[in-house]
C-alpha atoms as a PDB file:
ATOM      1  CA  UNK A   1      67.089 208.719-169.116  1.00  0.00           C
ATOM      2  CA  UNK A   2      68.007 208.081-165.515  1.00  0.00           C
ATOM      3  CA  UNK A   3      66.047 209.745-162.718  1.00  0.00           C
ATOM      4  CA  UNK A   4      69.296 211.231-161.409  1.00  0.00           C
ATOM      5  CA  UNK A   5      69.673 213.273-164.607  1.00  0.00           C
ATOM      6  CA  UNK A   6      66.186 214.703-164.208  1.00  0.00           C
ATOM      7  CA  UNK A   7      66.754 215.358-160.526  1.00  0.00           C
ATOM      8  CA  UNK A   8      69.853 217.500-161.062  1.00  0.00           C
ATOM      9  CA  UNK A   9      67.699 220.241-162.520  1.00  0.00           C
ATOM     10  CA  UNK A  10      65.247 220.346-159.629  1.00  0.00           C
ATOM     11  CA  UNK A  11      67.360 219.396-156.613  1.00  0.00           C
ATOM     12  CA  UNK A  12      68.081 223.022-155.736  1.00  0.00           C
ATOM     13  CA  UNK A  13      64.370 223.769-155.429  1.00  0.00           C
ATOM     14  CA  UNK A  14      63.755 220.574-153.466  1.00  0.00           C
ATOM     15  CA  UNK A  15      66.525 221.466-151.005  1.00  0.00           C
ATOM     16  CA  UNK A  16      65.031 224.914-150.500  1.00  0.00           C
ATOM     17  CA  UNK A  17      61.596 223.385-149.912  1.00  0.00           C
ATOM     18  CA  UNK A  18      62.996 221.096-147.199  1.00  0.00           C
ATOM     19  CA  UNK A  19      64.896 223.941-145.536  1.00  0.00           C
ATOM     20  CA  UNK A  20      61.736 226.061-145.768  1.00  0.00           C
ATOM     21  CA  UNK A  21      60.077 223.602-143.344  1.00  0.00           C
ATOM     22  CA  UNK A  22      62.773 224.013-140.684  1.00  0.00           C
ATOM     23  CA  UNK A  23      66.485 224.625-140.356  1.00  0.00           C
ATOM     24  CA  UNK A  24      68.589 221.514-140.920  1.00  0.00           C
ATOM     25  CA  UNK A  25      72.170 220.326-140.963  1.00  0.00           C
ATOM     26  CA  UNK A  26      73.601 218.551-144.011  1.00  0.00           C
ATOM     27  CA  UNK A  27      73.234 214.911-143.017  1.00  0.00           C
ATOM     28  CA  UNK A  28      69.730 215.575-141.694  1.00  0.00           C
ATOM     29  CA  UNK A  29      68.811 217.160-145.031  1.00  0.00           C
ATOM     30  CA  UNK A  30      70.018 214.092-146.923  1.00  0.00           C
ATOM     31  CA  UNK A  31      67.906 211.866-144.663  1.00  0.00           C
ATOM     32  CA  UNK A  32      64.819 214.059-145.100  1.00  0.00           C
ATOM     33  CA  UNK A  33      65.211 213.993-148.875  1.00  0.00           C
ATOM     34  CA  UNK A  34      65.379 210.201-148.700  1.00  0.00           C
ATOM     35  CA  UNK A  35      62.130 210.070-146.702  1.00  0.00           C
ATOM     36  CA  UNK A  36      60.524 212.117-149.495  1.00  0.00           C
ATOM     37  CA  UNK A  37      61.551 209.454-151.995  1.00  0.00           C
ATOM     38  CA  UNK A  38      64.872 210.842-153.215  1.00  0.00           C
ATOM     39  CA  UNK A  39      66.650 207.622-152.301  1.00  0.00           C
ATOM     40  CA  UNK A  40      69.606 208.082-154.652  1.00  0.00           C
ATOM     41  CA  UNK A  41      70.698 211.384-153.095  1.00  0.00           C
ATOM     42  CA  UNK A  42      74.128 211.295-151.462  1.00  0.00           C
ATOM     43  CA  UNK A  43      75.901 213.756-149.190  1.00  0.00           C
ATOM     44  CA  UNK A  44      78.516 214.407-151.875  1.00  0.00           C
ATOM     45  CA  UNK A  45      75.777 215.982-153.982  1.00  0.00           C
ATOM     46  CA  UNK A  46      74.026 217.889-151.208  1.00  0.00           C
ATOM     47  CA  UNK A  47      76.933 219.557-149.397  1.00  0.00           C
ATOM     48  CA  UNK A  48      78.268 221.452-152.432  1.00  0.00           C
ATOM     49  CA  UNK A  49      74.704 222.507-153.252  1.00  0.00           C
ATOM     50  CA  UNK A  50      74.237 223.869-149.716  1.00  0.00           C
ATOM     51  CA  UNK A  51      77.439 225.889-150.106  1.00  0.00           C
ATOM     52  CA  UNK A  52      76.261 227.210-153.481  1.00  0.00           C
ATOM     53  CA  UNK A  53      72.848 228.206-152.099  1.00  0.00           C
ATOM     54  CA  UNK A  54      74.513 229.971-149.181  1.00  0.00           C
ATOM     55  CA  UNK A  55      76.901 231.809-151.496  1.00  0.00           C
ATOM     56  CA  UNK A  56      73.919 232.938-153.607  1.00  0.00           C
ATOM     57  CA  UNK A  57      72.229 234.326-150.484  1.00  0.00           C
ATOM     58  CA  UNK A  58      69.369 231.809-150.400  1.00  0.00           C
ATOM     59  CA  UNK A  59      70.548 230.159-147.172  1.00  0.00           C
ATOM     60  CA  UNK A  60      72.320 231.272-143.998  1.00  0.00           C
ATOM     61  CA  UNK A  61      74.264 228.917-141.789  1.00  0.00           C
ATOM     62  CA  UNK A  62      75.401 228.777-138.181  1.00  0.00           C
ATOM     63  CA  UNK A  63      77.455 226.301-136.212  1.00  0.00           C
ATOM     64  CA  UNK A  64      75.749 224.667-133.236  1.00  0.00           C
ATOM     65  CA  UNK A  65      76.943 222.302-130.582  1.00  0.00           C
ATOM     66  CA  UNK A  66      75.962 218.667-131.070  1.00  0.00           C
ATOM     67  CA  UNK A  67      75.643 216.317-128.110  1.00  0.00           C
ATOM     68  CA  UNK A  68      76.498 213.434-130.467  1.00  0.00           C
ATOM     69  CA  UNK A  69      79.899 214.631-131.678  1.00  0.00           C
ATOM     70  CA  UNK A  70      81.376 217.618-133.477  1.00  0.00           C
ATOM     71  CA  UNK A  71      79.488 220.863-133.956  1.00  0.00           C
ATOM     72  CA  UNK A  72      77.009 220.904-136.825  1.00  0.00           C
ATOM     73  CA  UNK A  73      76.410 223.534-139.470  1.00  0.00           C
ATOM     74  CA  UNK A  74      72.697 224.335-139.591  1.00  0.00           C
ATOM     75  CA  UNK A  75      71.103 225.985-142.607  1.00  0.00           C
ATOM     76  CA  UNK A  76      68.147 228.354-142.580  1.00  0.00           C
ATOM     77  CA  UNK A  77      66.360 229.890-145.562  1.00  0.00           C
ATOM     78  CA  UNK A  78      66.718 233.642-146.112  1.00  0.00           C
ATOM     79  CA  UNK A  79      64.043 236.042-147.386  1.00  0.00           C
ATOM     80  CA  UNK A  80      65.793 235.931-150.780  1.00  0.00           C
ATOM     81  CA  UNK A  81      65.696 232.119-150.566  1.00  0.00           C
ATOM     82  CA  UNK A  82      61.938 232.221-149.922  1.00  0.00           C
ATOM     83  CA  UNK A  83      61.470 234.295-153.082  1.00  0.00           C
ATOM     84  CA  UNK A  84      63.647 231.898-155.074  1.00  0.00           C
ATOM     85  CA  UNK A  85      61.674 228.967-153.647  1.00  0.00           C
ATOM     86  CA  UNK A  86      58.372 230.565-154.707  1.00  0.00           C
ATOM     87  CA  UNK A  87      59.788 231.078-158.210  1.00  0.00           C
ATOM     88  CA  UNK A  88      60.795 227.398-158.292  1.00  0.00           C
ATOM     89  CA  UNK A  89      57.261 226.372-157.330  1.00  0.00           C
ATOM     90  CA  UNK A  90      55.799 228.513-160.143  1.00  0.00           C
ATOM     91  CA  UNK A  91      58.275 227.146-162.700  1.00  0.00           C
ATOM     92  CA  UNK A  92      57.644 223.576-161.534  1.00  0.00           C
ATOM     93  CA  UNK A  93      53.877 224.022-161.828  1.00  0.00           C
ATOM     94  CA  UNK A  94      54.198 225.292-165.405  1.00  0.00           C
ATOM     95  CA  UNK A  95      56.616 222.524-166.368  1.00  0.00           C
ATOM     96  CA  UNK A  96      54.524 219.706-164.897  1.00  0.00           C
ATOM     97  CA  UNK A  97      51.365 221.094-166.500  1.00  0.00           C
ATOM     98  CA  UNK A  98      53.045 221.117-169.912  1.00  0.00           C
ATOM     99  CA  UNK A  99      54.537 217.624-169.525  1.00  0.00           C
ATOM    100  CA  UNK A 100      51.258 216.228-168.178  1.00  0.00           C
ATOM    101  CA  UNK A 101      49.480 217.701-171.198  1.00  0.00           C
ATOM    102  CA  UNK A 102      51.870 215.944-173.579  1.00  0.00           C
ATOM    103  CA  UNK A 103      51.554 212.661-171.720  1.00  0.00           C
ATOM    104  CA  UNK A 104      47.769 212.883-171.770  1.00  0.00           C
ATOM    105  CA  UNK A 105      47.771 213.589-175.524  1.00  0.00           C
ATOM    106  CA  UNK A 106      49.649 210.316-175.984  1.00  0.00           C
ATOM    107  CA  UNK A 107      47.233 208.316-173.862  1.00  0.00           C
ATOM    108  CA  UNK A 108      49.588 208.174-170.873  1.00  0.00           C
ATOM    109  CA  UNK A 109      51.907 205.562-172.324  1.00  0.00           C
ATOM    110  CA  UNK A 110      54.198 204.862-175.235  1.00  0.00           C
ATOM    111  CA  UNK A 111      53.660 201.852-177.446  1.00  0.00           C
ATOM    112  CA  UNK A 112      57.301 200.847-177.943  1.00  0.00           C
ATOM    113  CA  UNK A 113      56.465 198.469-180.791  1.00  0.00           C
ATOM    114  CA  UNK A 114      54.707 201.110-182.856  1.00  0.00           C
ATOM    115  CA  UNK A 115      56.888 202.905-185.414  1.00  0.00           C
END
């Protein structure tokens, strides 16, 4: 399984966590995700997700002047987005606990030669 397949399910929560830190514009968000280790993330994945999160009421946006070119659309988390983010954190904690438990039961590795 590729990491990108696993990431699709959690990217929404990760985006909200980044926006929770401070308001960001799209390209800046992509760069921040990359600094957190999400190196395979591309703008074509993030921009539609930002639109979806805004439509769901988890983010607000506003256009701001940019000294480096065209105006930029900045995103800020809403109170509803904070609640959704907290729910993501709870779900993630439960999921990682369960997966870690299974991994530990198997000694932390898989013997690929064993049948």
